[in-house]
PDB file of N, CA and C in Angstrom:
ATOM      1  N   MET A   1       0.815  -1.204   0.000  1.00  0.00           N
ATOM      2  CA  MET A   1       0.000   0.000   0.000  1.00  0.00           C
ATOM      3  C   MET A   1       0.856   1.265   0.000  1.00  0.00           C
ATOM      4  N   GLY A   2       2.116   1.127   0.360  1.00  0.00           N
ATOM      5  CA  GLY A   2       2.991   2.287   0.320  1.00  0.00           C
ATOM      6  C   GLY A   2       3.116   2.864  -1.077  1.00  0.00           C
ATOM      7  N   VAL A   3       3.156   2.006  -2.067  1.00  0.00           N
ATOM      8  CA  VAL A   3       3.235   2.455  -3.465  1.00  0.00           C
ATOM      9  C   VAL A   3       1.966   3.213  -3.833  1.00  0.00           C
ATOM     10  N   MET A   4       0.824   2.720  -3.372  1.00  0.00           N
ATOM     11  CA  MET A   4      -0.446   3.404  -3.654  1.00  0.00           C
ATOM     12  C   MET A   4      -0.429   4.816  -3.070  1.00  0.00           C
ATOM     13  N   ASN A   5       0.040   4.951  -1.847  1.00  0.00           N
ATOM     14  CA  ASN A   5       0.112   6.270  -1.217  1.00  0.00           C
ATOM     15  C   ASN A   5       1.031   7.195  -1.997  1.00  0.00           C
ATOM     16  N   LEU A   6       2.164   6.680  -2.437  1.00  0.00           N
ATOM     17  CA  LEU A   6       3.095   7.492  -3.221  1.00  0.00           C
ATOM     18  C   LEU A   6       2.442   7.966  -4.510  1.00  0.00           C
ATOM     19  N   LEU A   7       1.821   7.048  -5.234  1.00  0.00           N
ATOM     20  CA  LEU A   7       1.183   7.415  -6.502  1.00  0.00           C
ATOM     21  C   LEU A   7       0.053   8.411  -6.288  1.00  0.00           C
ATOM     22  N   GLN A   8      -0.742   8.210  -5.242  1.00  0.00           N
ATOM     23  CA  GLN A   8      -1.841   9.145  -4.963  1.00  0.00           C
ATOM     24  C   GLN A   8      -1.316  10.538  -4.627  1.00  0.00           C
ATOM     25  N   SER A   9      -0.157  10.607  -4.006  1.00  0.00           N
ATOM     26  CA  SER A   9       0.390  11.912  -3.646  1.00  0.00           C
ATOM     27  C   SER A   9       0.983  12.633  -4.858  1.00  0.00           C
ATOM     28  N   LYS A  10       1.306  11.906  -5.909  1.00  0.00           N
ATOM     29  CA  LYS A  10       1.966  12.495  -7.076  1.00  0.00           C
ATOM     30  C   LYS A  10       1.023  12.795  -8.231  1.00  0.00           C
ATOM     31  N   PHE A  11      -0.165  12.161  -8.238  1.00  0.00           N
ATOM     32  CA  PHE A  11      -1.101  12.324  -9.347  1.00  0.00           C
ATOM     33  C   PHE A  11      -2.481  12.717  -8.828  1.00  0.00           C
ATOM     34  N   GLU A  12      -3.147  13.572  -9.579  1.00  0.00           N
ATOM     35  CA  GLU A  12      -4.492  13.999  -9.202  1.00  0.00           C
ATOM     36  C   GLU A  12      -5.488  12.850  -9.340  1.00  0.00           C
ATOM     37  N   THR A  13      -5.359  12.062 -10.395  1.00  0.00           N
ATOM     38  CA  THR A  13      -6.251  10.929 -10.630  1.00  0.00           C
ATOM     39  C   THR A  13      -5.413   9.676 -10.830  1.00  0.00           C
ATOM     40  N   LEU A  14      -5.819   8.607 -10.165  1.00  0.00           N
ATOM     41  CA  LEU A  14      -5.109   7.339 -10.265  1.00  0.00           C
ATOM     42  C   LEU A  14      -6.145   6.235 -10.390  1.00  0.00           C
ATOM     43  N   GLU A  15      -6.051   5.444 -11.461  1.00  0.00           N
ATOM     44  CA  GLU A  15      -6.955   4.314 -11.665  1.00  0.00           C
ATOM     45  C   GLU A  15      -6.131   3.049 -11.774  1.00  0.00           C
ATOM     46  N   ILE A  16      -6.492   2.069 -10.974  1.00  0.00           N
ATOM     47  CA  ILE A  16      -5.812   0.783 -10.989  1.00  0.00           C
ATOM     48  C   ILE A  16      -6.879  -0.297 -11.039  1.00  0.00           C
ATOM     49  N   GLU A  17      -6.695  -1.267 -11.918  1.00  0.00           N
ATOM     50  CA  GLU A  17      -7.621  -2.385 -12.020  1.00  0.00           C
ATOM     51  C   GLU A  17      -7.018  -3.575 -11.291  1.00  0.00           C
ATOM     52  N   LEU A  18      -7.789  -4.142 -10.395  1.00  0.00           N
ATOM     53  CA  LEU A  18      -7.348  -5.302  -9.629  1.00  0.00           C
ATOM     54  C   LEU A  18      -8.255  -6.472  -9.968  1.00  0.00           C
ATOM     55  N   ILE A  19      -7.650  -7.535 -10.466  1.00  0.00           N
ATOM     56  CA  ILE A  19      -8.401  -8.738 -10.829  1.00  0.00           C
ATOM     57  C   ILE A  19      -7.843  -9.888 -10.011  1.00  0.00           C
ATOM     58  N   ALA A  20      -8.710 -10.577  -9.282  1.00  0.00           N
ATOM     59  CA  ALA A  20      -8.297 -11.724  -8.474  1.00  0.00           C
ATOM     60  C   ALA A  20      -9.003 -12.969  -8.997  1.00  0.00           C
ATOM     61  N   ASN A  21      -8.225 -14.025  -9.243  1.00  0.00           N
ATOM     62  CA  ASN A  21      -8.762 -15.265  -9.800  1.00  0.00           C
ATOM     63  C   ASN A  21      -8.347 -16.466  -8.952  1.00  0.00           C
ATOM     64  N   ASP A  22      -9.043 -17.568  -9.174  1.00  0.00           N
ATOM     65  CA  ASP A  22      -8.688 -18.864  -8.592  1.00  0.00           C
ATOM     66  C   ASP A  22      -8.614 -18.843  -7.074  1.00  0.00           C
ATOM     67  N   GLY A  23      -9.643 -18.338  -6.457  1.00  0.00           N
ATOM     68  CA  GLY A  23      -9.732 -18.309  -5.001  1.00  0.00           C
ATOM     69  C   GLY A  23     -11.009 -17.598  -4.583  1.00  0.00           C
ATOM     70  N   ALA A  24     -11.161 -17.389  -3.308  1.00  0.00           N
ATOM     71  CA  ALA A  24     -12.362 -16.727  -2.814  1.00  0.00           C
ATOM     72  C   ALA A  24     -12.113 -16.176  -1.419  1.00  0.00           C
ATOM     73  N   ILE A  25     -12.864 -15.136  -1.067  1.00  0.00           N
ATOM     74  CA  ILE A  25     -12.915 -14.650   0.303  1.00  0.00           C
ATOM     75  C   ILE A  25     -14.388 -14.461   0.644  1.00  0.00           C
ATOM     76  N   THR A  26     -14.664 -14.420   1.901  1.00  0.00           N
ATOM     77  CA  THR A  26     -16.050 -14.222   2.307  1.00  0.00           C
ATOM     78  C   THR A  26     -16.452 -12.769   2.100  1.00  0.00           C
ATOM     79  N   GLU A  27     -17.730 -12.560   1.980  1.00  0.00           N
ATOM     80  CA  GLU A  27     -18.260 -11.191   1.877  1.00  0.00           C
ATOM     81  C   GLU A  27     -17.859 -10.393   3.113  1.00  0.00           C
ATOM     82  N   GLN A  28     -17.856 -11.058   4.264  1.00  0.00           N
ATOM     83  CA  GLN A  28     -17.492 -10.392   5.516  1.00  0.00           C
ATOM     84  C   GLN A  28     -16.029  -9.931   5.487  1.00  0.00           C
ATOM     85  N   ASP A  29     -15.111 -10.784   5.023  1.00  0.00           N
ATOM     86  CA  ASP A  29     -13.710 -10.386   4.896  1.00  0.00           C
ATOM     87  C   ASP A  29     -13.554  -9.229   3.920  1.00  0.00           C
ATOM     88  N   TYR A  30     -14.294  -9.278   2.829  1.00  0.00           N
ATOM     89  CA  TYR A  30     -14.242  -8.198   1.850  1.00  0.00           C
ATOM     90  C   TYR A  30     -14.662  -6.879   2.482  1.00  0.00           C
ATOM     91  N   GLU A  31     -15.790  -6.905   3.186  1.00  0.00           N
ATOM     92  CA  GLU A  31     -16.300  -5.687   3.827  1.00  0.00           C
ATOM     93  C   GLU A  31     -15.353  -5.201   4.923  1.00  0.00           C
ATOM     94  N   ASP A  32     -14.942  -6.121   5.801  1.00  0.00           N
ATOM     95  CA  ASP A  32     -14.177  -5.748   6.991  1.00  0.00           C
ATOM     96  C   ASP A  32     -12.719  -5.424   6.704  1.00  0.00           C
ATOM     97  N   LYS A  33     -12.127  -6.083   5.762  1.00  0.00           N
ATOM     98  CA  LYS A  33     -10.689  -5.929   5.547  1.00  0.00           C
ATOM     99  C   LYS A  33     -10.351  -5.136   4.293  1.00  0.00           C
ATOM    100  N   ILE A  34     -10.858  -5.565   3.156  1.00  0.00           N
ATOM    101  CA  ILE A  34     -10.490  -4.912   1.886  1.00  0.00           C
ATOM    102  C   ILE A  34     -11.089  -3.512   1.799  1.00  0.00           C
ATOM    103  N   LYS A  35     -12.399  -3.431   1.910  1.00  0.00           N
ATOM    104  CA  LYS A  35     -13.046  -2.131   1.777  1.00  0.00           C
ATOM    105  C   LYS A  35     -12.604  -1.162   2.868  1.00  0.00           C
ATOM    106  N   GLU A  36     -12.434  -1.666   4.082  1.00  0.00           N
ATOM    107  CA  GLU A  36     -12.011  -0.796   5.177  1.00  0.00           C
ATOM    108  C   GLU A  36     -10.591  -0.278   4.963  1.00  0.00           C
ATOM    109  N   ALA A  37      -9.691  -1.135   4.504  1.00  0.00           N
ATOM    110  CA  ALA A  37      -8.321  -0.691   4.221  1.00  0.00           C
ATOM    111  C   ALA A  37      -8.318   0.383   3.140  1.00  0.00           C
ATOM    112  N   PHE A  38      -9.069   0.171   2.077  1.00  0.00           N
ATOM    113  CA  PHE A  38      -9.139   1.171   1.011  1.00  0.00           C
ATOM    114  C   PHE A  38      -9.776   2.460   1.515  1.00  0.00           C
ATOM    115  N   ARG A  39     -10.809   2.349   2.336  1.00  0.00           N
ATOM    116  CA  ARG A  39     -11.461   3.543   2.885  1.00  0.00           C
ATOM    117  C   ARG A  39     -10.474   4.362   3.703  1.00  0.00           C
ATOM    118  N   GLN A  40      -9.683   3.697   4.531  1.00  0.00           N
ATOM    119  CA  GLN A  40      -8.710   4.394   5.366  1.00  0.00           C
ATOM    120  C   GLN A  40      -7.637   5.082   4.529  1.00  0.00           C
ATOM    121  N   LEU A  41      -7.354   4.534   3.368  1.00  0.00           N
ATOM    122  CA  LEU A  41      -6.362   5.134   2.473  1.00  0.00           C
ATOM    123  C   LEU A  41      -6.975   6.192   1.550  1.00  0.00           C
ATOM    124  N   GLY A  42      -8.281   6.363   1.625  1.00  0.00           N
ATOM    125  CA  GLY A  42      -8.942   7.343   0.758  1.00  0.00           C
ATOM    126  C   GLY A  42      -9.114   6.854  -0.662  1.00  0.00           C
ATOM    127  N   ILE A  43      -9.147   5.539  -0.844  1.00  0.00           N
ATOM    128  CA  ILE A  43      -9.264   4.942  -2.169  1.00  0.00           C
ATOM    129  C   ILE A  43     -10.716   4.552  -2.402  1.00  0.00           C
ATOM    130  N   GLY A  44     -11.317   5.098  -3.445  1.00  0.00           N
ATOM    131  CA  GLY A  44     -12.683   4.752  -3.806  1.00  0.00           C
ATOM    132  C   GLY A  44     -12.705   3.471  -4.634  1.00  0.00           C
ATOM    133  N   LEU A  45     -13.783   2.738  -4.532  1.00  0.00           N
ATOM    134  CA  LEU A  45     -13.925   1.495  -5.287  1.00  0.00           C
ATOM    135  C   LEU A  45     -15.041   1.639  -6.309  1.00  0.00           C
ATOM    136  N   ASP A  46     -14.770   1.199  -7.512  1.00  0.00           N
ATOM    137  CA  ASP A  46     -15.783   1.116  -8.557  1.00  0.00           C
ATOM    138  C   ASP A  46     -16.100  -0.379  -8.706  1.00  0.00           C
ATOM    139  N   GLU A  47     -17.083  -0.834  -7.960  1.00  0.00           N
ATOM    140  CA  GLU A  47     -17.389  -2.260  -7.939  1.00  0.00           C
ATOM    141  C   GLU A  47     -18.331  -2.601  -9.092  1.00  0.00           C
ATOM    142  N   GLU A  48     -17.884  -3.492  -9.923  1.00  0.00           N
ATOM    143  CA  GLU A  48     -18.699  -3.887 -11.080  1.00  0.00           C
ATOM    144  C   GLU A  48     -19.467  -5.136 -10.805  1.00  0.00           C
TER     145      GLU A  48
END
C-alpha cells in the first residue's frame, strides 16, 4: 500500500484495475478488511 500512497500523492487521478482469480474470500472479509483498508487510504472502489 505504500506504493499506492506514493502514486496518490503524485497524481491527481489514479486508476488501478485489480483482478483476483482462482480463489475466494467471504463477503465479511471483503467488507471488513479490503473495503475498510481502502477507505482508510482514501481509495474509492468502482465495484462492477
